[in-house]
PDB file of N, CA and C in Angstrom:
ATOM      1  N   UNK A   1      35.890 -33.072  26.493  1.00  0.00           N
ATOM      2  CA  UNK A   1      34.960 -33.194  25.413  1.00  0.00           C
ATOM      3  C   UNK A   1      33.555 -33.335  25.984  1.00  0.00           C
ATOM      4  N   UNK A   2      32.614 -32.871  25.225  1.00  0.00           N
ATOM      5  CA  UNK A   2      31.270 -32.663  25.748  1.00  0.00           C
ATOM      6  C   UNK A   2      30.330 -33.866  25.624  1.00  0.00           C
ATOM      7  N   UNK A   3      30.559 -34.753  24.654  1.00  0.00           N
ATOM      8  CA  UNK A   3      29.630 -35.852  24.396  1.00  0.00           C
ATOM      9  C   UNK A   3      30.332 -37.207  24.382  1.00  0.00           C
ATOM     10  N   UNK A   4      29.579 -38.232  24.790  1.00  0.00           N
ATOM     11  CA  UNK A   4      30.041 -39.609  24.702  1.00  0.00           C
ATOM     12  C   UNK A   4      29.225 -40.302  23.613  1.00  0.00           C
ATOM     13  N   UNK A   5      29.895 -40.669  22.525  1.00  0.00           N
ATOM     14  CA  UNK A   5      29.282 -41.419  21.439  1.00  0.00           C
ATOM     15  C   UNK A   5      29.489 -42.898  21.731  1.00  0.00           C
ATOM     16  N   UNK A   6      28.420 -43.687  21.628  1.00  0.00           N
ATOM     17  CA  UNK A   6      28.492 -45.113  21.929  1.00  0.00           C
ATOM     18  C   UNK A   6      28.110 -45.907  20.691  1.00  0.00           C
ATOM     19  N   UNK A   7      29.016 -46.788  20.281  1.00  0.00           N
ATOM     20  CA  UNK A   7      28.759 -47.747  19.202  1.00  0.00           C
ATOM     21  C   UNK A   7      28.453 -49.072  19.884  1.00  0.00           C
ATOM     22  N   UNK A   8      27.328 -49.693  19.531  1.00  0.00           N
ATOM     23  CA  UNK A   8      26.876 -50.873  20.264  1.00  0.00           C
ATOM     24  C   UNK A   8      26.450 -51.982  19.298  1.00  0.00           C
ATOM     25  N   UNK A   9      26.808 -53.221  19.680  1.00  0.00           N
ATOM     26  CA  UNK A   9      26.421 -54.409  18.921  1.00  0.00           C
ATOM     27  C   UNK A   9      26.011 -55.511  19.878  1.00  0.00           C
ATOM     28  N   UNK A  10      25.163 -56.442  19.398  1.00  0.00           N
ATOM     29  CA  UNK A  10      24.909 -57.640  20.190  1.00  0.00           C
ATOM     30  C   UNK A  10      26.199 -58.458  20.290  1.00  0.00           C
ATOM     31  N   UNK A  11      26.389 -59.141  21.394  1.00  0.00           N
ATOM     32  CA  UNK A  11      27.594 -59.956  21.587  1.00  0.00           C
ATOM     33  C   UNK A  11      27.178 -61.307  22.153  1.00  0.00           C
ATOM     34  N   UNK A  12      27.522 -62.355  21.425  1.00  0.00           N
ATOM     35  CA  UNK A  12      27.167 -63.692  21.883  1.00  0.00           C
ATOM     36  C   UNK A  12      28.339 -64.668  21.861  1.00  0.00           C
ATOM     37  N   UNK A  13      29.493 -64.223  21.343  1.00  0.00           N
ATOM     38  CA  UNK A  13      30.605 -65.169  21.208  1.00  0.00           C
ATOM     39  C   UNK A  13      31.949 -64.468  21.345  1.00  0.00           C
ATOM     40  N   UNK A  14      32.982 -65.250  21.474  1.00  0.00           N
ATOM     41  CA  UNK A  14      34.339 -64.731  21.512  1.00  0.00           C
ATOM     42  C   UNK A  14      34.688 -64.063  20.183  1.00  0.00           C
ATOM     43  N   UNK A  15      34.152 -64.573  19.090  1.00  0.00           N
ATOM     44  CA  UNK A  15      34.394 -63.963  17.779  1.00  0.00           C
ATOM     45  C   UNK A  15      33.828 -62.542  17.729  1.00  0.00           C
ATOM     46  N   UNK A  16      32.660 -62.329  18.356  1.00  0.00           N
ATOM     47  CA  UNK A  16      32.078 -60.988  18.425  1.00  0.00           C
ATOM     48  C   UNK A  16      33.018 -60.044  19.173  1.00  0.00           C
ATOM     49  N   UNK A  17      33.574 -60.533  20.289  1.00  0.00           N
ATOM     50  CA  UNK A  17      34.493 -59.719  21.077  1.00  0.00           C
ATOM     51  C   UNK A  17      35.745 -59.389  20.267  1.00  0.00           C
ATOM     52  N   UNK A  18      36.286 -60.363  19.571  1.00  0.00           N
ATOM     53  CA  UNK A  18      37.468 -60.133  18.739  1.00  0.00           C
ATOM     54  C   UNK A  18      37.181 -59.090  17.651  1.00  0.00           C
ATOM     55  N   UNK A  19      35.997 -59.158  17.056  1.00  0.00           N
ATOM     56  CA  UNK A  19      35.614 -58.185  16.027  1.00  0.00           C
ATOM     57  C   UNK A  19      35.526 -56.780  16.621  1.00  0.00           C
ATOM     58  N   UNK A  20      34.990 -56.678  17.845  1.00  0.00           N
ATOM     59  CA  UNK A  20      34.899 -55.369  18.500  1.00  0.00           C
ATOM     60  C   UNK A  20      36.297 -54.792  18.727  1.00  0.00           C
ATOM     61  N   UNK A  21      37.225 -55.591  19.168  1.00  0.00           N
ATOM     62  CA  UNK A  21      38.593 -55.119  19.411  1.00  0.00           C
ATOM     63  C   UNK A  21      39.214 -54.643  18.098  1.00  0.00           C
ATOM     64  N   UNK A  22      38.986 -55.364  17.025  1.00  0.00           N
ATOM     65  CA  UNK A  22      39.507 -54.964  15.717  1.00  0.00           C
ATOM     66  C   UNK A  22      38.911 -53.612  15.286  1.00  0.00           C
ATOM     67  N   UNK A  23      37.612 -53.457  15.485  1.00  0.00           N
ATOM     68  CA  UNK A  23      36.952 -52.185  15.142  1.00  0.00           C
ATOM     69  C   UNK A  23      37.500 -51.058  16.009  1.00  0.00           C
ATOM     70  N   UNK A  24      37.615 -51.293  17.300  1.00  0.00           N
ATOM     71  CA  UNK A  24      38.136 -50.275  18.214  1.00  0.00           C
ATOM     72  C   UNK A  24      39.544 -49.844  17.810  1.00  0.00           C
ATOM     73  N   UNK A  25      40.403 -50.789  17.503  1.00  0.00           N
ATOM     74  CA  UNK A  25      41.775 -50.472  17.096  1.00  0.00           C
ATOM     75  C   UNK A  25      41.790 -49.641  15.816  1.00  0.00           C
ATOM     76  N   UNK A  26      40.942 -50.007  14.867  1.00  0.00           N
ATOM     77  CA  UNK A  26      40.870 -49.266  13.610  1.00  0.00           C
ATOM     78  C   UNK A  26      40.400 -47.831  13.839  1.00  0.00           C
ATOM     79  N   UNK A  27      39.396 -47.661  14.687  1.00  0.00           N
ATOM     80  CA  UNK A  27      38.907 -46.311  14.982  1.00  0.00           C
ATOM     81  C   UNK A  27      39.964 -45.483  15.709  1.00  0.00           C
ATOM     82  N   UNK A  28      40.634 -46.093  16.673  1.00  0.00           N
ATOM     83  CA  UNK A  28      41.676 -45.367  17.415  1.00  0.00           C
ATOM     84  C   UNK A  28      42.791 -44.899  16.490  1.00  0.00           C
ATOM     85  N   UNK A  29      43.089 -45.690  15.478  1.00  0.00           N
ATOM     86  CA  UNK A  29      44.172 -45.350  14.553  1.00  0.00           C
ATOM     87  C   UNK A  29      43.763 -44.322  13.504  1.00  0.00           C
ATOM     88  N   UNK A  30      42.461 -44.242  13.178  1.00  0.00           N
ATOM     89  CA  UNK A  30      42.066 -43.437  12.029  1.00  0.00           C
ATOM     90  C   UNK A  30      41.130 -42.258  12.309  1.00  0.00           C
ATOM     91  N   UNK A  31      40.516 -42.189  13.489  1.00  0.00           N
ATOM     92  CA  UNK A  31      39.678 -41.024  13.787  1.00  0.00           C
ATOM     93  C   UNK A  31      40.543 -39.777  13.889  1.00  0.00           C
ATOM     94  N   UNK A  32      39.999 -38.657  13.487  1.00  0.00           N
ATOM     95  CA  UNK A  32      40.754 -37.403  13.597  1.00  0.00           C
ATOM     96  C   UNK A  32      40.968 -37.063  15.068  1.00  0.00           C
ATOM     97  N   UNK A  33      41.875 -36.140  15.329  1.00  0.00           N
ATOM     98  CA  UNK A  33      42.203 -35.741  16.694  1.00  0.00           C
ATOM     99  C   UNK A  33      41.076 -35.058  17.434  1.00  0.00           C
ATOM    100  N   UNK A  34      39.987 -34.758  16.744  1.00  0.00           N
ATOM    101  CA  UNK A  34      38.824 -34.132  17.383  1.00  0.00           C
ATOM    102  C   UNK A  34      38.044 -35.110  18.246  1.00  0.00           C
ATOM    103  N   UNK A  35      38.309 -36.400  18.084  1.00  0.00           N
ATOM    104  CA  UNK A  35      37.552 -37.452  18.756  1.00  0.00           C
ATOM    105  C   UNK A  35      38.532 -38.403  19.428  1.00  0.00           C
ATOM    106  N   UNK A  36      38.122 -38.948  20.573  1.00  0.00           N
ATOM    107  CA  UNK A  36      39.017 -39.821  21.336  1.00  0.00           C
ATOM    108  C   UNK A  36      38.321 -41.128  21.705  1.00  0.00           C
ATOM    109  N   UNK A  37      38.848 -42.240  21.198  1.00  0.00           N
ATOM    110  CA  UNK A  37      38.329 -43.551  21.578  1.00  0.00           C
ATOM    111  C   UNK A  37      38.714 -43.793  23.033  1.00  0.00           C
ATOM    112  N   UNK A  38      37.705 -44.118  23.857  1.00  0.00           N
ATOM    113  CA  UNK A  38      37.931 -44.238  25.294  1.00  0.00           C
ATOM    114  C   UNK A  38      37.719 -45.662  25.793  1.00  0.00           C
ATOM    115  N   UNK A  39      37.812 -46.630  24.898  1.00  0.00           N
ATOM    116  CA  UNK A  39      37.738 -48.007  25.348  1.00  0.00           C
ATOM    117  C   UNK A  39      36.435 -48.677  24.974  1.00  0.00           C
ATOM    118  N   UNK A  40      36.194 -49.809  25.644  1.00  0.00           N
ATOM    119  CA  UNK A  40      35.045 -50.643  25.326  1.00  0.00           C
ATOM    120  C   UNK A  40      34.574 -51.364  26.578  1.00  0.00           C
ATOM    121  N   UNK A  41      33.410 -51.971  26.471  1.00  0.00           N
ATOM    122  CA  UNK A  41      32.983 -52.933  27.473  1.00  0.00           C
ATOM    123  C   UNK A  41      32.104 -53.972  26.790  1.00  0.00           C
ATOM    124  N   UNK A  42      31.938 -55.091  27.446  1.00  0.00           N
ATOM    125  CA  UNK A  42      31.107 -56.163  26.919  1.00  0.00           C
ATOM    126  C   UNK A  42      30.438 -56.874  28.078  1.00  0.00           C
ATOM    127  N   UNK A  43      29.213 -57.276  27.871  1.00  0.00           N
ATOM    128  CA  UNK A  43      28.463 -57.996  28.888  1.00  0.00           C
ATOM    129  C   UNK A  43      26.976 -57.833  28.649  1.00  0.00           C
ATOM    130  N   UNK A  44      26.191 -58.644  29.315  1.00  0.00           N
ATOM    131  CA  UNK A  44      24.734 -58.598  29.188  1.00  0.00           C
ATOM    132  C   UNK A  44      24.276 -58.694  27.738  1.00  0.00           C
ATOM    133  N   UNK A  45      25.017 -59.453  26.921  1.00  0.00           N
ATOM    134  CA  UNK A  45      24.625 -59.671  25.540  1.00  0.00           C
ATOM    135  C   UNK A  45      24.922 -58.536  24.591  1.00  0.00           C
ATOM    136  N   UNK A  46      25.730 -57.571  25.039  1.00  0.00           N
ATOM    137  CA  UNK A  46      26.073 -56.448  24.161  1.00  0.00           C
ATOM    138  C   UNK A  46      27.534 -56.071  24.347  1.00  0.00           C
ATOM    139  N   UNK A  47      28.047 -55.360  23.352  1.00  0.00           N
ATOM    140  CA  UNK A  47      29.398 -54.800  23.445  1.00  0.00           C
ATOM    141  C   UNK A  47      29.328 -53.358  22.959  1.00  0.00           C
ATOM    142  N   UNK A  48      30.165 -52.520  23.567  1.00  0.00           N
ATOM    143  CA  UNK A  48      30.132 -51.091  23.299  1.00  0.00           C
ATOM    144  C   UNK A  48      31.538 -50.548  23.096  1.00  0.00           C
ATOM    145  N   UNK A  49      31.655 -49.585  22.188  1.00  0.00           N
ATOM    146  CA  UNK A  49      32.878 -48.804  22.032  1.00  0.00           C
ATOM    147  C   UNK A  49      32.501 -47.362  22.347  1.00  0.00           C
ATOM    148  N   UNK A  50      33.327 -46.705  23.153  1.00  0.00           N
ATOM    149  CA  UNK A  50      33.042 -45.349  23.615  1.00  0.00           C
ATOM    150  C   UNK A  50      33.997 -44.348  22.969  1.00  0.00           C
ATOM    151  N   UNK A  51      33.426 -43.241  22.492  1.00  0.00           N
ATOM    152  CA  UNK A  51      34.217 -42.193  21.838  1.00  0.00           C
ATOM    153  C   UNK A  51      33.803 -40.838  22.414  1.00  0.00           C
ATOM    154  N   UNK A  52      34.761 -40.097  22.943  1.00  0.00           N
ATOM    155  CA  UNK A  52      34.509 -38.735  23.419  1.00  0.00           C
ATOM    156  C   UNK A  52      34.669 -37.768  22.253  1.00  0.00           C
ATOM    157  N   UNK A  53      33.770 -36.801  22.181  1.00  0.00           N
ATOM    158  CA  UNK A  53      33.777 -35.855  21.076  1.00  0.00           C
ATOM    159  C   UNK A  53      33.011 -34.590  21.440  1.00  0.00           C
ATOM    160  N   UNK A  54      33.286 -33.528  20.744  1.00  0.00           N
ATOM    161  CA  UNK A  54      32.478 -32.317  20.853  1.00  0.00           C
ATOM    162  C   UNK A  54      31.437 -32.253  19.742  1.00  0.00           C
ATOM    163  N   UNK A  55      31.532 -33.167  18.790  1.00  0.00           N
ATOM    164  CA  UNK A  55      30.632 -33.182  17.634  1.00  0.00           C
ATOM    165  C   UNK A  55      30.247 -34.619  17.291  1.00  0.00           C
ATOM    166  N   UNK A  56      29.200 -35.152  17.934  1.00  0.00           N
ATOM    167  CA  UNK A  56      28.854 -36.557  17.730  1.00  0.00           C
ATOM    168  C   UNK A  56      28.463 -36.901  16.290  1.00  0.00           C
ATOM    169  N   UNK A  57      27.772 -36.022  15.608  1.00  0.00           N
ATOM    170  CA  UNK A  57      27.383 -36.299  14.216  1.00  0.00           C
ATOM    171  C   UNK A  57      28.621 -36.373  13.319  1.00  0.00           C
ATOM    172  N   UNK A  58      29.577 -35.477  13.546  1.00  0.00           N
ATOM    173  CA  UNK A  58      30.817 -35.498  12.766  1.00  0.00           C
ATOM    174  C   UNK A  58      31.622 -36.761  13.079  1.00  0.00           C
ATOM    175  N   UNK A  59      31.684 -37.122  14.355  1.00  0.00           N
ATOM    176  CA  UNK A  59      32.393 -38.349  14.742  1.00  0.00           C
ATOM    177  C   UNK A  59      31.744 -39.565  14.080  1.00  0.00           C
ATOM    178  N   UNK A  60      30.406 -39.607  14.061  1.00  0.00           N
ATOM    179  CA  UNK A  60      29.718 -40.732  13.431  1.00  0.00           C
ATOM    180  C   UNK A  60      30.020 -40.785  11.938  1.00  0.00           C
ATOM    181  N   UNK A  61      30.091 -39.639  11.282  1.00  0.00           N
ATOM    182  CA  UNK A  61      30.454 -39.610   9.860  1.00  0.00           C
ATOM    183  C   UNK A  61      31.837 -40.202   9.636  1.00  0.00           C
ATOM    184  N   UNK A  62      32.777 -39.862  10.520  1.00  0.00           N
ATOM    185  CA  UNK A  62      34.127 -40.434  10.409  1.00  0.00           C
ATOM    186  C   UNK A  62      34.104 -41.932  10.664  1.00  0.00           C
ATOM    187  N   UNK A  63      33.333 -42.363  11.657  1.00  0.00           N
ATOM    188  CA  UNK A  63      33.223 -43.795  11.959  1.00  0.00           C
ATOM    189  C   UNK A  63      32.705 -44.539  10.734  1.00  0.00           C
ATOM    190  N   UNK A  64      31.661 -44.023  10.102  1.00  0.00           N
ATOM    191  CA  UNK A  64      31.107 -44.671   8.903  1.00  0.00           C
ATOM    192  C   UNK A  64      32.141 -44.738   7.786  1.00  0.00           C
ATOM    193  N   UNK A  65      32.912 -43.678   7.612  1.00  0.00           N
ATOM    194  CA  UNK A  65      33.945 -43.672   6.568  1.00  0.00           C
ATOM    195  C   UNK A  65      35.014 -44.718   6.873  1.00  0.00           C
ATOM    196  N   UNK A  66      35.444 -44.790   8.122  1.00  0.00           N
ATOM    197  CA  UNK A  66      36.510 -45.720   8.518  1.00  0.00           C
ATOM    198  C   UNK A  66      36.043 -47.174   8.411  1.00  0.00           C
ATOM    199  N   UNK A  67      34.836 -47.446   8.866  1.00  0.00           N
ATOM    200  CA  UNK A  67      34.346 -48.825   8.861  1.00  0.00           C
ATOM    201  C   UNK A  67      33.793 -49.237   7.508  1.00  0.00           C
ATOM    202  N   UNK A  68      33.481 -48.255   6.680  1.00  0.00           N
ATOM    203  CA  UNK A  68      33.043 -48.540   5.322  1.00  0.00           C
ATOM    204  C   UNK A  68      31.871 -49.485   5.247  1.00  0.00           C
ATOM    205  N   UNK A  69      31.996 -50.499   4.422  1.00  0.00           N
ATOM    206  CA  UNK A  69      30.886 -51.418   4.183  1.00  0.00           C
ATOM    207  C   UNK A  69      31.031 -52.730   4.964  1.00  0.00           C
ATOM    208  N   UNK A  70      31.699 -52.680   6.096  1.00  0.00           N
ATOM    209  CA  UNK A  70      31.834 -53.901   6.906  1.00  0.00           C
ATOM    210  C   UNK A  70      30.460 -54.431   7.308  1.00  0.00           C
ATOM    211  N   UNK A  71      30.401 -55.708   7.538  1.00  0.00           N
ATOM    212  CA  UNK A  71      29.150 -56.356   7.936  1.00  0.00           C
ATOM    213  C   UNK A  71      28.613 -55.867   9.277  1.00  0.00           C
ATOM    214  N   UNK A  72      29.442 -55.228  10.070  1.00  0.00           N
ATOM    215  CA  UNK A  72      29.050 -54.830  11.419  1.00  0.00           C
ATOM    216  C   UNK A  72      27.857 -53.875  11.434  1.00  0.00           C
ATOM    217  N   UNK A  73      27.567 -53.199  10.330  1.00  0.00           N
ATOM    218  CA  UNK A  73      26.487 -52.212  10.315  1.00  0.00           C
ATOM    219  C   UNK A  73      25.107 -52.846  10.423  1.00  0.00           C
ATOM    220  N   UNK A  74      24.971 -54.104  10.063  1.00  0.00           N
ATOM    221  CA  UNK A  74      23.643 -54.717  10.071  1.00  0.00           C
ATOM    222  C   UNK A  74      23.021 -54.767  11.465  1.00  0.00           C
ATOM    223  N   UNK A  75      23.832 -54.890  12.503  1.00  0.00           N
ATOM    224  CA  UNK A  75      23.315 -54.966  13.873  1.00  0.00           C
ATOM    225  C   UNK A  75      23.740 -53.792  14.750  1.00  0.00           C
ATOM    226  N   UNK A  76      24.393 -52.799  14.185  1.00  0.00           N
ATOM    227  CA  UNK A  76      24.927 -51.683  14.973  1.00  0.00           C
ATOM    228  C   UNK A  76      23.820 -50.761  15.467  1.00  0.00           C
ATOM    229  N   UNK A  77      24.059 -50.222  16.657  1.00  0.00           N
ATOM    230  CA  UNK A  77      23.227 -49.169  17.231  1.00  0.00           C
ATOM    231  C   UNK A  77      24.195 -48.078  17.685  1.00  0.00           C
ATOM    232  N   UNK A  78      23.858 -46.830  17.411  1.00  0.00           N
ATOM    233  CA  UNK A  78      24.753 -45.721  17.750  1.00  0.00           C
ATOM    234  C   UNK A  78      23.928 -44.600  18.369  1.00  0.00           C
ATOM    235  N   UNK A  79      24.422 -44.088  19.491  1.00  0.00           N
ATOM    236  CA  UNK A  79      23.756 -42.968  20.161  1.00  0.00           C
ATOM    237  C   UNK A  79      24.805 -42.185  20.941  1.00  0.00           C
ATOM    238  N   UNK A  80      24.410 -40.997  21.407  1.00  0.00           N
ATOM    239  CA  UNK A  80      25.322 -40.196  22.220  1.00  0.00           C
ATOM    240  C   UNK A  80      24.550 -39.540  23.351  1.00  0.00           C
ATOM    241  N   UNK A  81      25.309 -39.127  24.360  1.00  0.00           N
ATOM    242  CA  UNK A  81      24.747 -38.386  25.484  1.00  0.00           C
ATOM    243  C   UNK A  81      25.741 -37.317  25.901  1.00  0.00           C
ATOM    244  N   UNK A  82      25.247 -36.316  26.595  1.00  0.00           N
ATOM    245  CA  UNK A  82      26.147 -35.306  27.140  1.00  0.00           C
ATOM    246  C   UNK A  82      26.963 -35.919  28.264  1.00  0.00           C
ATOM    247  N   UNK A  83      28.156 -35.398  28.468  1.00  0.00           N
ATOM    248  CA  UNK A  83      29.004 -35.829  29.576  1.00  0.00           C
ATOM    249  C   UNK A  83      28.222 -35.633  30.872  1.00  0.00           C
ATOM    250  N   UNK A  84      28.077 -36.676  31.635  1.00  0.00           N
ATOM    251  CA  UNK A  84      27.346 -36.616  32.891  1.00  0.00           C
ATOM    252  C   UNK A  84      25.849 -36.791  32.736  1.00  0.00           C
ATOM    253  N   UNK A  85      25.356 -36.872  31.499  1.00  0.00           N
ATOM    254  CA  UNK A  85      23.926 -37.032  31.263  1.00  0.00           C
ATOM    255  C   UNK A  85      23.507 -38.488  31.240  1.00  0.00           C
ATOM    256  N   UNK A  86      22.214 -38.701  31.213  1.00  0.00           N
ATOM    257  CA  UNK A  86      21.667 -40.053  31.174  1.00  0.00           C
ATOM    258  C   UNK A  86      20.871 -40.340  29.915  1.00  0.00           C
ATOM    259  N   UNK A  87      20.403 -39.306  29.236  1.00  0.00           N
ATOM    260  CA  UNK A  87      19.529 -39.477  28.083  1.00  0.00           C
ATOM    261  C   UNK A  87      20.330 -39.533  26.790  1.00  0.00           C
ATOM    262  N   UNK A  88      20.087 -40.588  26.012  1.00  0.00           N
ATOM    263  CA  UNK A  88      20.799 -40.779  24.750  1.00  0.00           C
ATOM    264  C   UNK A  88      19.983 -40.242  23.576  1.00  0.00           C
ATOM    265  N   UNK A  89      20.682 -39.659  22.624  1.00  0.00           N
ATOM    266  CA  UNK A  89      20.118 -39.264  21.344  1.00  0.00           C
ATOM    267  C   UNK A  89      20.571 -40.296  20.324  1.00  0.00           C
ATOM    268  N   UNK A  90      19.622 -40.941  19.685  1.00  0.00           N
ATOM    269  CA  UNK A  90      19.920 -42.025  18.751  1.00  0.00           C
ATOM    270  C   UNK A  90      20.329 -41.451  17.395  1.00  0.00           C
ATOM    271  N   UNK A  91      21.420 -41.990  16.851  1.00  0.00           N
ATOM    272  CA  UNK A  91      21.884 -41.618  15.516  1.00  0.00           C
ATOM    273  C   UNK A  91      21.589 -42.732  14.508  1.00  0.00           C
ATOM    274  N   UNK A  92      21.798 -43.995  14.923  1.00  0.00           N
ATOM    275  CA  UNK A  92      21.691 -45.117  13.986  1.00  0.00           C
ATOM    276  C   UNK A  92      21.141 -46.339  14.689  1.00  0.00           C
ATOM    277  N   UNK A  93      20.281 -47.116  14.117  1.00  0.00           N
ATOM    278  CA  UNK A  93      19.540 -46.820  12.896  1.00  0.00           C
ATOM    279  C   UNK A  93      18.459 -45.783  13.172  1.00  0.00           C
ATOM    280  N   UNK A  94      18.013 -45.137  12.148  1.00  0.00           N
ATOM    281  CA  UNK A  94      17.065 -44.031  12.288  1.00  0.00           C
ATOM    282  C   UNK A  94      15.752 -44.468  12.913  1.00  0.00           C
ATOM    283  N   UNK A  95      15.352 -45.729  12.738  1.00  0.00           N
ATOM    284  CA  UNK A  95      14.070 -46.177  13.279  1.00  0.00           C
ATOM    285  C   UNK A  95      14.164 -46.785  14.685  1.00  0.00           C
ATOM    286  N   UNK A  96      15.349 -46.719  15.313  1.00  0.00           N
ATOM    287  CA  UNK A  96      15.525 -47.218  16.676  1.00  0.00           C
ATOM    288  C   UNK A  96      14.835 -46.263  17.659  1.00  0.00           C
ATOM    289  N   UNK A  97      14.069 -46.822  18.571  1.00  0.00           N
ATOM    290  CA  UNK A  97      13.306 -45.989  19.509  1.00  0.00           C
ATOM    291  C   UNK A  97      13.883 -45.930  20.919  1.00  0.00           C
ATOM    292  N   UNK A  98      14.733 -46.886  21.258  1.00  0.00           N
ATOM    293  CA  UNK A  98      15.281 -46.931  22.619  1.00  0.00           C
ATOM    294  C   UNK A  98      16.739 -47.336  22.571  1.00  0.00           C
ATOM    295  N   UNK A  99      17.553 -46.719  23.437  1.00  0.00           N
ATOM    296  CA  UNK A  99      18.975 -47.033  23.508  1.00  0.00           C
ATOM    297  C   UNK A  99      19.408 -46.932  24.957  1.00  0.00           C
ATOM    298  N   UNK A 100      20.134 -47.947  25.425  1.00  0.00           N
ATOM    299  CA  UNK A 100      20.739 -47.883  26.754  1.00  0.00           C
ATOM    300  C   UNK A 100      21.998 -48.727  26.767  1.00  0.00           C
ATOM    301  N   UNK A 101      22.821 -48.472  27.735  1.00  0.00           N
ATOM    302  CA  UNK A 101      24.055 -49.222  27.939  1.00  0.00           C
ATOM    303  C   UNK A 101      23.911 -49.990  29.229  1.00  0.00           C
ATOM    304  N   UNK A 102      24.009 -51.305  29.154  1.00  0.00           N
ATOM    305  CA  UNK A 102      23.846 -52.145  30.346  1.00  0.00           C
ATOM    306  C   UNK A 102      25.032 -52.037  31.279  1.00  0.00           C
TER     307      UNK A 102
END
């Protein structure tokens, strides 16, 4: 797959980590076969879920449908990069100017 989509949230507690695992499990169970959840990481005050896809915008649409109106959207940041690339294209929120993975 050509792109790595990254879902990112601030992480300050064990409850945040537990919520990330719940979200990751839900995405792994419900994303279409066009996208592959490739795990997560946490540290440096953030947590990330990684999804491989050939269509990051389509994958993000599925993620939004699966997660629905959960509270997690208030602090979420979403971006993607090409496989092997370093530069991220921001998808969410629209007014975010910088994105990186620690």
